[in-house]
Amino acid sequence: NPILAEILVTNLISNSIKHNLPNGTLNIELNQFHFLVENSGKPLSVKAENMFERFKKDSDSEQSIGLGLSIVRKIGLLLNHKVKYSNSGNIHSMEIIF
């Protein structure tokens, strides 16, 4: 579904921009196996597994209402894709595995 795919991609990229550090990095990778968005950012203040809950936010940003990653997870389920978050140091990674 092209509309759902657009929402998924837009939410992941938008989230990475909003939560990036000033002069931070943003990397995007797409291949036949996955879509990966990585950005620099502060350490999480919530448990990573809770980030996909509705209205759960890691920051007090007024730009975010806390629905983006919940929507990403629901779209991933609808499209039979695995949605995975990981971090290494100050690099946060959101991956959609096809």
PDB file of N, CA and C in Angstrom:
ATOM      1  N   ASN A   1       0.846  -1.172   0.000  1.00  0.00           N
ATOM      2  CA  ASN A   1       0.000   0.000   0.000  1.00  0.00           C
ATOM      3  C   ASN A   1       0.894   1.239   0.000  1.00  0.00           C
ATOM      4  N   PRO A   2       0.903   2.006  -1.095  1.00  0.00           N
ATOM      5  CA  PRO A   2       1.802   3.165  -1.182  1.00  0.00           C
ATOM      6  C   PRO A   2       1.511   4.255  -0.151  1.00  0.00           C
ATOM      7  N   ILE A   3       0.275   4.432   0.238  1.00  0.00           N
ATOM      8  CA  ILE A   3      -0.063   5.465   1.224  1.00  0.00           C
ATOM      9  C   ILE A   3       0.502   5.096   2.597  1.00  0.00           C
ATOM     10  N   LEU A   4       0.328   3.840   2.997  1.00  0.00           N
ATOM     11  CA  LEU A   4       0.882   3.403   4.283  1.00  0.00           C
ATOM     12  C   LEU A   4       2.404   3.445   4.278  1.00  0.00           C
ATOM     13  N   ALA A   5       3.010   3.059   3.158  1.00  0.00           N
ATOM     14  CA  ALA A   5       4.473   3.102   3.055  1.00  0.00           C
ATOM     15  C   ALA A   5       4.977   4.541   3.183  1.00  0.00           C
ATOM     16  N   GLU A   6       4.271   5.484   2.575  1.00  0.00           N
ATOM     17  CA  GLU A   6       4.665   6.890   2.674  1.00  0.00           C
ATOM     18  C   GLU A   6       4.559   7.392   4.117  1.00  0.00           C
ATOM     19  N   ILE A   7       3.498   7.036   4.805  1.00  0.00           N
ATOM     20  CA  ILE A   7       3.337   7.443   6.207  1.00  0.00           C
ATOM     21  C   ILE A   7       4.456   6.853   7.065  1.00  0.00           C
ATOM     22  N   LEU A   8       4.769   5.585   6.851  1.00  0.00           N
ATOM     23  CA  LEU A   8       5.825   4.918   7.603  1.00  0.00           C
ATOM     24  C   LEU A   8       7.163   5.623   7.401  1.00  0.00           C
ATOM     25  N   VAL A   9       7.536   5.868   6.144  1.00  0.00           N
ATOM     26  CA  VAL A   9       8.816   6.510   5.824  1.00  0.00           C
ATOM     27  C   VAL A   9       8.845   7.931   6.386  1.00  0.00           C
ATOM     28  N   THR A  10       7.768   8.680   6.193  1.00  0.00           N
ATOM     29  CA  THR A  10       7.697  10.057   6.682  1.00  0.00           C
ATOM     30  C   THR A  10       7.824  10.110   8.199  1.00  0.00           C
ATOM     31  N   ASN A  11       7.137   9.233   8.905  1.00  0.00           N
ATOM     32  CA  ASN A  11       7.209   9.222  10.367  1.00  0.00           C
ATOM     33  C   ASN A  11       8.616   8.901  10.868  1.00  0.00           C
ATOM     34  N   LEU A  12       9.271   7.928  10.252  1.00  0.00           N
ATOM     35  CA  LEU A  12      10.619   7.566  10.696  1.00  0.00           C
ATOM     36  C   LEU A  12      11.615   8.689  10.451  1.00  0.00           C
ATOM     37  N   ILE A  13      11.568   9.297   9.279  1.00  0.00           N
ATOM     38  CA  ILE A  13      12.509  10.370   8.969  1.00  0.00           C
ATOM     39  C   ILE A  13      12.210  11.597   9.826  1.00  0.00           C
ATOM     40  N   SER A  14      10.945  11.945   9.953  1.00  0.00           N
ATOM     41  CA  SER A  14      10.551  13.093  10.774  1.00  0.00           C
ATOM     42  C   SER A  14      10.995  12.900  12.222  1.00  0.00           C
ATOM     43  N   ASN A  15      10.778  11.712  12.766  1.00  0.00           N
ATOM     44  CA  ASN A  15      11.187  11.393  14.131  1.00  0.00           C
ATOM     45  C   ASN A  15      12.701  11.545  14.297  1.00  0.00           C
ATOM     46  N   SER A  16      13.449  11.078  13.316  1.00  0.00           N
ATOM     47  CA  SER A  16      14.909  11.164  13.387  1.00  0.00           C
ATOM     48  C   SER A  16      15.398  12.601  13.336  1.00  0.00           C
ATOM     49  N   ILE A  17      14.719  13.438  12.586  1.00  0.00           N
ATOM     50  CA  ILE A  17      15.091  14.847  12.509  1.00  0.00           C
ATOM     51  C   ILE A  17      14.751  15.554  13.825  1.00  0.00           C
ATOM     52  N   LYS A  18      13.541  15.328  14.337  1.00  0.00           N
ATOM     53  CA  LYS A  18      13.103  15.987  15.579  1.00  0.00           C
ATOM     54  C   LYS A  18      13.990  15.666  16.770  1.00  0.00           C
ATOM     55  N   HIS A  19      14.453  14.431  16.846  1.00  0.00           N
ATOM     56  CA  HIS A  19      15.193  13.983  18.028  1.00  0.00           C
ATOM     57  C   HIS A  19      16.701  13.948  17.821  1.00  0.00           C
ATOM     58  N   ASN A  20      17.162  14.518  16.719  1.00  0.00           N
ATOM     59  CA  ASN A  20      18.586  14.563  16.437  1.00  0.00           C
ATOM     60  C   ASN A  20      19.251  15.662  17.256  1.00  0.00           C
ATOM     61  N   LEU A  21      20.545  15.559  17.398  1.00  0.00           N
ATOM     62  CA  LEU A  21      21.335  16.579  18.086  1.00  0.00           C
ATOM     63  C   LEU A  21      21.670  17.707  17.107  1.00  0.00           C
ATOM     64  N   PRO A  22      21.927  18.921  17.604  1.00  0.00           N
ATOM     65  CA  PRO A  22      22.400  19.977  16.704  1.00  0.00           C
ATOM     66  C   PRO A  22      23.691  19.526  16.011  1.00  0.00           C
ATOM     67  N   ASN A  23      23.768  19.731  14.723  1.00  0.00           N
ATOM     68  CA  ASN A  23      24.907  19.283  13.903  1.00  0.00           C
ATOM     69  C   ASN A  23      25.118  17.774  13.989  1.00  0.00           C
ATOM     70  N   GLY A  24      24.046  17.032  14.250  1.00  0.00           N
ATOM     71  CA  GLY A  24      24.125  15.577  14.363  1.00  0.00           C
ATOM     72  C   GLY A  24      24.151  14.898  13.009  1.00  0.00           C
ATOM     73  N   THR A  25      24.071  13.579  13.060  1.00  0.00           N
ATOM     74  CA  THR A  25      24.100  12.787  11.822  1.00  0.00           C
ATOM     75  C   THR A  25      22.738  12.157  11.568  1.00  0.00           C
ATOM     76  N   LEU A  26      22.459  11.925  10.300  1.00  0.00           N
ATOM     77  CA  LEU A  26      21.249  11.227   9.870  1.00  0.00           C
ATOM     78  C   LEU A  26      21.634  10.348   8.701  1.00  0.00           C
ATOM     79  N   ASN A  27      21.438   9.056   8.840  1.00  0.00           N
ATOM     80  CA  ASN A  27      21.763   8.098   7.779  1.00  0.00           C
ATOM     81  C   ASN A  27      20.517   7.314   7.426  1.00  0.00           C
ATOM     82  N   ILE A  28      20.316   7.108   6.126  1.00  0.00           N
ATOM     83  CA  ILE A  28      19.169   6.346   5.643  1.00  0.00           C
ATOM     84  C   ILE A  28      19.692   5.283   4.686  1.00  0.00           C
ATOM     85  N   GLU A  29      19.215   4.065   4.870  1.00  0.00           N
ATOM     86  CA  GLU A  29      19.623   2.965   4.000  1.00  0.00           C
ATOM     87  C   GLU A  29      18.389   2.183   3.579  1.00  0.00           C
ATOM     88  N   LEU A  30      18.300   1.880   2.303  1.00  0.00           N
ATOM     89  CA  LEU A  30      17.208   1.073   1.770  1.00  0.00           C
ATOM     90  C   LEU A  30      17.802   0.029   0.841  1.00  0.00           C
ATOM     91  N   ASN A  31      17.453  -1.215   1.093  1.00  0.00           N
ATOM     92  CA  ASN A  31      17.826  -2.291   0.177  1.00  0.00           C
ATOM     93  C   ASN A  31      16.718  -3.333   0.181  1.00  0.00           C
ATOM     94  N   GLN A  32      16.938  -4.457  -0.438  1.00  0.00           N
ATOM     95  CA  GLN A  32      15.881  -5.466  -0.554  1.00  0.00           C
ATOM     96  C   GLN A  32      15.537  -6.133   0.777  1.00  0.00           C
ATOM     97  N   PHE A  33      16.374  -5.927   1.800  1.00  0.00           N
ATOM     98  CA  PHE A  33      16.169  -6.566   3.094  1.00  0.00           C
ATOM     99  C   PHE A  33      15.550  -5.664   4.155  1.00  0.00           C
ATOM    100  N   HIS A  34      15.864  -4.352   4.072  1.00  0.00           N
ATOM    101  CA  HIS A  34      15.383  -3.462   5.131  1.00  0.00           C
ATOM    102  C   HIS A  34      15.388  -1.994   4.714  1.00  0.00           C
ATOM    103  N   PHE A  35      14.708  -1.200   5.530  1.00  0.00           N
ATOM    104  CA  PHE A  35      14.762   0.260   5.476  1.00  0.00           C
ATOM    105  C   PHE A  35      15.270   0.683   6.843  1.00  0.00           C
ATOM    106  N   LEU A  36      16.386   1.399   6.874  1.00  0.00           N
ATOM    107  CA  LEU A  36      17.050   1.749   8.125  1.00  0.00           C
ATOM    108  C   LEU A  36      17.233   3.257   8.193  1.00  0.00           C
ATOM    109  N   VAL A  37      16.849   3.834   9.331  1.00  0.00           N
ATOM    110  CA  VAL A  37      17.057   5.255   9.590  1.00  0.00           C
ATOM    111  C   VAL A  37      17.822   5.368  10.904  1.00  0.00           C
ATOM    112  N   GLU A  38      18.985   6.024  10.855  1.00  0.00           N
ATOM    113  CA  GLU A  38      19.812   6.199  12.042  1.00  0.00           C
ATOM    114  C   GLU A  38      20.072   7.684  12.263  1.00  0.00           C
ATOM    115  N   ASN A  39      20.045   8.088  13.521  1.00  0.00           N
ATOM    116  CA  ASN A  39      20.364   9.472  13.859  1.00  0.00           C
ATOM    117  C   ASN A  39      21.099   9.532  15.185  1.00  0.00           C
ATOM    118  N   SER A  40      21.856  10.599  15.342  1.00  0.00           N
ATOM    119  CA  SER A  40      22.489  10.839  16.634  1.00  0.00           C
ATOM    120  C   SER A  40      21.431  11.423  17.565  1.00  0.00           C
ATOM    121  N   GLY A  41      21.617  11.229  18.840  1.00  0.00           N
ATOM    122  CA  GLY A  41      20.643  11.746  19.798  1.00  0.00           C
ATOM    123  C   GLY A  41      21.064  11.479  21.227  1.00  0.00           C
ATOM    124  N   LYS A  42      20.360  12.125  22.139  1.00  0.00           N
ATOM    125  CA  LYS A  42      20.616  11.922  23.563  1.00  0.00           C
ATOM    126  C   LYS A  42      20.189  10.500  23.958  1.00  0.00           C
ATOM    127  N   PRO A  43      20.741   9.983  25.046  1.00  0.00           N
ATOM    128  CA  PRO A  43      20.292   8.672  25.540  1.00  0.00           C
ATOM    129  C   PRO A  43      18.800   8.721  25.873  1.00  0.00           C
ATOM    130  N   LEU A  44      18.137   7.591  25.745  1.00  0.00           N
ATOM    131  CA  LEU A  44      16.705   7.516  26.043  1.00  0.00           C
ATOM    132  C   LEU A  44      16.444   7.712  27.528  1.00  0.00           C
ATOM    133  N   SER A  45      15.336   8.368  27.822  1.00  0.00           N
ATOM    134  CA  SER A  45      14.923   8.508  29.218  1.00  0.00           C
ATOM    135  C   SER A  45      13.776   7.547  29.535  1.00  0.00           C
ATOM    136  N   VAL A  46      13.313   6.794  28.538  1.00  0.00           N
ATOM    137  CA  VAL A  46      12.287   5.767  28.726  1.00  0.00           C
ATOM    138  C   VAL A  46      12.841   4.441  28.232  1.00  0.00           C
ATOM    139  N   LYS A  47      12.205   3.359  28.612  1.00  0.00           N
ATOM    140  CA  LYS A  47      12.620   2.050  28.116  1.00  0.00           C
ATOM    141  C   LYS A  47      12.351   1.967  26.618  1.00  0.00           C
ATOM    142  N   ALA A  48      13.286   1.395  25.891  1.00  0.00           N
ATOM    143  CA  ALA A  48      13.162   1.316  24.434  1.00  0.00           C
ATOM    144  C   ALA A  48      11.878   0.603  24.007  1.00  0.00           C
ATOM    145  N   GLU A  49      11.487  -0.440  24.724  1.00  0.00           N
ATOM    146  CA  GLU A  49      10.278  -1.189  24.335  1.00  0.00           C
ATOM    147  C   GLU A  49       9.000  -0.366  24.515  1.00  0.00           C
ATOM    148  N   ASN A  50       9.070   0.679  25.321  1.00  0.00           N
ATOM    149  CA  ASN A  50       7.888   1.530  25.525  1.00  0.00           C
ATOM    150  C   ASN A  50       7.738   2.616  24.470  1.00  0.00           C
ATOM    151  N   MET A  51       8.733   2.812  23.642  1.00  0.00           N
ATOM    152  CA  MET A  51       8.679   3.880  22.642  1.00  0.00           C
ATOM    153  C   MET A  51       7.565   3.691  21.620  1.00  0.00           C
ATOM    154  N   PHE A  52       7.100   2.477  21.456  1.00  0.00           N
ATOM    155  CA  PHE A  52       6.078   2.201  20.451  1.00  0.00           C
ATOM    156  C   PHE A  52       4.659   2.345  20.994  1.00  0.00           C
ATOM    157  N   GLU A  53       4.532   2.680  22.269  1.00  0.00           N
ATOM    158  CA  GLU A  53       3.210   2.887  22.858  1.00  0.00           C
ATOM    159  C   GLU A  53       2.673   4.252  22.445  1.00  0.00           C
ATOM    160  N   ARG A  54       1.353   4.349  22.296  1.00  0.00           N
ATOM    161  CA  ARG A  54       0.737   5.629  21.940  1.00  0.00           C
ATOM    162  C   ARG A  54       0.969   6.645  23.042  1.00  0.00           C
ATOM    163  N   PHE A  55       1.247   7.859  22.633  1.00  0.00           N
ATOM    164  CA  PHE A  55       1.448   9.018  23.505  1.00  0.00           C
ATOM    165  C   PHE A  55       2.658   8.881  24.425  1.00  0.00           C
ATOM    166  N   LYS A  56       3.523   7.906  24.171  1.00  0.00           N
ATOM    167  CA  LYS A  56       4.757   7.759  24.953  1.00  0.00           C
ATOM    168  C   LYS A  56       5.846   8.547  24.234  1.00  0.00           C
ATOM    169  N   LYS A  57       6.456   9.482  24.949  1.00  0.00           N
ATOM    170  CA  LYS A  57       7.486  10.324  24.363  1.00  0.00           C
ATOM    171  C   LYS A  57       8.733  10.258  25.216  1.00  0.00           C
ATOM    172  N   ASP A  58       9.877  10.389  24.552  1.00  0.00           N
ATOM    173  CA  ASP A  58      11.150  10.422  25.261  1.00  0.00           C
ATOM    174  C   ASP A  58      11.515  11.835  25.684  1.00  0.00           C
ATOM    175  N   SER A  59      10.843  12.824  25.115  1.00  0.00           N
ATOM    176  CA  SER A  59      11.202  14.210  25.424  1.00  0.00           C
ATOM    177  C   SER A  59       9.948  15.013  25.718  1.00  0.00           C
ATOM    178  N   ASP A  60      10.148  16.219  26.179  1.00  0.00           N
ATOM    179  CA  ASP A  60       9.034  17.126  26.427  1.00  0.00           C
ATOM    180  C   ASP A  60       8.777  18.016  25.225  1.00  0.00           C
ATOM    181  N   SER A  61       9.250  17.617  24.056  1.00  0.00           N
ATOM    182  CA  SER A  61       9.125  18.423  22.850  1.00  0.00           C
ATOM    183  C   SER A  61       7.662  18.696  22.521  1.00  0.00           C
ATOM    184  N   GLU A  62       7.363  19.959  22.264  1.00  0.00           N
ATOM    185  CA  GLU A  62       6.002  20.318  21.862  1.00  0.00           C
ATOM    186  C   GLU A  62       5.746  19.931  20.412  1.00  0.00           C
ATOM    187  N   GLN A  63       6.812  19.593  19.668  1.00  0.00           N
ATOM    188  CA  GLN A  63       6.668  19.183  18.276  1.00  0.00           C
ATOM    189  C   GLN A  63       6.119  17.760  18.159  1.00  0.00           C
ATOM    190  N   SER A  64       6.132  17.025  19.224  1.00  0.00           N
ATOM    191  CA  SER A  64       5.764  15.615  19.186  1.00  0.00           C
ATOM    192  C   SER A  64       4.613  15.333  20.143  1.00  0.00           C
ATOM    193  N   ILE A  65       3.638  14.552  19.645  1.00  0.00           N
ATOM    194  CA  ILE A  65       2.550  14.128  20.526  1.00  0.00           C
ATOM    195  C   ILE A  65       2.692  12.661  20.929  1.00  0.00           C
ATOM    196  N   GLY A  66       3.707  11.990  20.383  1.00  0.00           N
ATOM    197  CA  GLY A  66       3.982  10.627  20.803  1.00  0.00           C
ATOM    198  C   GLY A  66       3.198   9.558  20.064  1.00  0.00           C
ATOM    199  N   LEU A  67       2.791   9.832  18.826  1.00  0.00           N
ATOM    200  CA  LEU A  67       2.062   8.834  18.044  1.00  0.00           C
ATOM    201  C   LEU A  67       2.879   8.239  16.900  1.00  0.00           C
ATOM    202  N   GLY A  68       3.932   8.913  16.482  1.00  0.00           N
ATOM    203  CA  GLY A  68       4.673   8.512  15.284  1.00  0.00           C
ATOM    204  C   GLY A  68       5.141   7.072  15.282  1.00  0.00           C
ATOM    205  N   LEU A  69       5.826   6.649  16.343  1.00  0.00           N
ATOM    206  CA  LEU A  69       6.357   5.279  16.358  1.00  0.00           C
ATOM    207  C   LEU A  69       5.271   4.245  16.586  1.00  0.00           C
ATOM    208  N   SER A  70       4.198   4.624  17.252  1.00  0.00           N
ATOM    209  CA  SER A  70       3.057   3.721  17.387  1.00  0.00           C
ATOM    210  C   SER A  70       2.435   3.453  16.011  1.00  0.00           C
ATOM    211  N   ILE A  71       2.320   4.493  15.226  1.00  0.00           N
ATOM    212  CA  ILE A  71       1.785   4.349  13.867  1.00  0.00           C
ATOM    213  C   ILE A  71       2.729   3.508  13.013  1.00  0.00           C
ATOM    214  N   VAL A  72       4.035   3.739  13.146  1.00  0.00           N
ATOM    215  CA  VAL A  72       5.029   2.953  12.408  1.00  0.00           C
ATOM    216  C   VAL A  72       4.876   1.471  12.735  1.00  0.00           C
ATOM    217  N   ARG A  73       4.748   1.147  14.004  1.00  0.00           N
ATOM    218  CA  ARG A  73       4.610  -0.260  14.398  1.00  0.00           C
ATOM    219  C   ARG A  73       3.322  -0.876  13.822  1.00  0.00           C
ATOM    220  N   LYS A  74       2.207  -0.144  13.891  1.00  0.00           N
ATOM    221  CA  LYS A  74       0.939  -0.665  13.353  1.00  0.00           C
ATOM    222  C   LYS A  74       1.029  -0.901  11.850  1.00  0.00           C
ATOM    223  N   ILE A  75       1.646   0.038  11.133  1.00  0.00           N
ATOM    224  CA  ILE A  75       1.804  -0.140   9.686  1.00  0.00           C
ATOM    225  C   ILE A  75       2.710  -1.331   9.410  1.00  0.00           C
ATOM    226  N   GLY A  76       3.783  -1.464  10.164  1.00  0.00           N
ATOM    227  CA  GLY A  76       4.660  -2.620  10.009  1.00  0.00           C
ATOM    228  C   GLY A  76       3.918  -3.929  10.194  1.00  0.00           C
ATOM    229  N   LEU A  77       3.065  -3.989  11.204  1.00  0.00           N
ATOM    230  CA  LEU A  77       2.263  -5.203  11.420  1.00  0.00           C
ATOM    231  C   LEU A  77       1.324  -5.477  10.251  1.00  0.00           C
ATOM    232  N   LEU A  78       0.679  -4.413   9.760  1.00  0.00           N
ATOM    233  CA  LEU A  78      -0.239  -4.568   8.621  1.00  0.00           C
ATOM    234  C   LEU A  78       0.476  -5.070   7.377  1.00  0.00           C
ATOM    235  N   LEU A  79       1.709  -4.630   7.175  1.00  0.00           N
ATOM    236  CA  LEU A  79       2.475  -5.008   5.986  1.00  0.00           C
ATOM    237  C   LEU A  79       3.352  -6.239   6.219  1.00  0.00           C
ATOM    238  N   ASN A  80       3.224  -6.869   7.390  1.00  0.00           N
ATOM    239  CA  ASN A  80       4.009  -8.052   7.755  1.00  0.00           C
ATOM    240  C   ASN A  80       5.519  -7.785   7.760  1.00  0.00           C
ATOM    241  N   HIS A  81       5.909  -6.611   8.266  1.00  0.00           N
ATOM    242  CA  HIS A  81       7.313  -6.254   8.405  1.00  0.00           C
ATOM    243  C   HIS A  81       7.650  -6.142   9.894  1.00  0.00           C
ATOM    244  N   LYS A  82       8.859  -6.503  10.237  1.00  0.00           N
ATOM    245  CA  LYS A  82       9.311  -6.368  11.617  1.00  0.00           C
ATOM    246  C   LYS A  82       9.854  -4.947  11.817  1.00  0.00           C
ATOM    247  N   VAL A  83       9.473  -4.307  12.914  1.00  0.00           N
ATOM    248  CA  VAL A  83       9.957  -2.973  13.260  1.00  0.00           C
ATOM    249  C   VAL A  83      10.883  -3.135  14.460  1.00  0.00           C
ATOM    250  N   LYS A  84      12.098  -2.636  14.325  1.00  0.00           N
ATOM    251  CA  LYS A  84      13.114  -2.868  15.352  1.00  0.00           C
ATOM    252  C   LYS A  84      13.823  -1.551  15.700  1.00  0.00           C
ATOM    253  N   TYR A  85      13.997  -1.314  16.993  1.00  0.00           N
ATOM    254  CA  TYR A  85      14.781  -0.172  17.472  1.00  0.00           C
ATOM    255  C   TYR A  85      16.036  -0.702  18.148  1.00  0.00           C
ATOM    256  N   SER A  86      17.152  -0.011  17.938  1.00  0.00           N
ATOM    257  CA  SER A  86      18.376  -0.325  18.667  1.00  0.00           C
ATOM    258  C   SER A  86      19.184   0.958  18.810  1.00  0.00           C
ATOM    259  N   ASN A  87      20.120   0.941  19.729  1.00  0.00           N
ATOM    260  CA  ASN A  87      21.022   2.083  19.843  1.00  0.00           C
ATOM    261  C   ASN A  87      22.398   1.604  20.250  1.00  0.00           C
ATOM    262  N   SER A  88      23.360   2.382  19.819  1.00  0.00           N
ATOM    263  CA  SER A  88      24.750   2.127  20.158  1.00  0.00           C
ATOM    264  C   SER A  88      25.368   3.477  20.481  1.00  0.00           C
ATOM    265  N   GLY A  89      25.648   3.687  21.741  1.00  0.00           N
ATOM    266  CA  GLY A  89      26.149   4.995  22.155  1.00  0.00           C
ATOM    267  C   GLY A  89      25.088   6.053  21.932  1.00  0.00           C
ATOM    268  N   ASN A  90      25.419   7.063  21.171  1.00  0.00           N
ATOM    269  CA  ASN A  90      24.436   8.115  20.910  1.00  0.00           C
ATOM    270  C   ASN A  90      23.800   7.980  19.528  1.00  0.00           C
ATOM    271  N   ILE A  91      23.911   6.798  18.895  1.00  0.00           N
ATOM    272  CA  ILE A  91      23.286   6.546  17.596  1.00  0.00           C
ATOM    273  C   ILE A  91      22.036   5.683  17.806  1.00  0.00           C
ATOM    274  N   HIS A  92      20.895   6.219  17.363  1.00  0.00           N
ATOM    275  CA  HIS A  92      19.615   5.520  17.468  1.00  0.00           C
ATOM    276  C   HIS A  92      19.240   4.990  16.084  1.00  0.00           C
ATOM    277  N   SER A  93      18.787   3.743  16.028  1.00  0.00           N
ATOM    278  CA  SER A  93      18.459   3.095  14.758  1.00  0.00           C
ATOM    279  C   SER A  93      17.047   2.546  14.774  1.00  0.00           C
ATOM    280  N   MET A  94      16.285   2.898  13.743  1.00  0.00           N
ATOM    281  CA  MET A  94      14.955   2.329  13.526  1.00  0.00           C
ATOM    282  C   MET A  94      15.018   1.549  12.216  1.00  0.00           C
ATOM    283  N   GLU A  95      14.658   0.272  12.282  1.00  0.00           N
ATOM    284  CA  GLU A  95      14.779  -0.595  11.122  1.00  0.00           C
ATOM    285  C   GLU A  95      13.461  -1.290  10.821  1.00  0.00           C
ATOM    286  N   ILE A  96      13.087  -1.260   9.568  1.00  0.00           N
ATOM    287  CA  ILE A  96      11.946  -2.013   9.077  1.00  0.00           C
ATOM    288  C   ILE A  96      12.522  -3.173   8.281  1.00  0.00           C
ATOM    289  N   ILE A  97      12.291  -4.386   8.740  1.00  0.00           N
ATOM    290  CA  ILE A  97      12.829  -5.569   8.090  1.00  0.00           C
ATOM    291  C   ILE A  97      11.722  -6.176   7.237  1.00  0.00           C
ATOM    292  N   PHE A  98      12.034  -6.304   5.943  1.00  0.00           N
ATOM    293  CA  PHE A  98      11.036  -6.821   4.991  1.00  0.00           C
ATOM    294  C   PHE A  98      10.942  -8.336   5.041  1.00  0.00           C
TER     295      PHE A  98
END
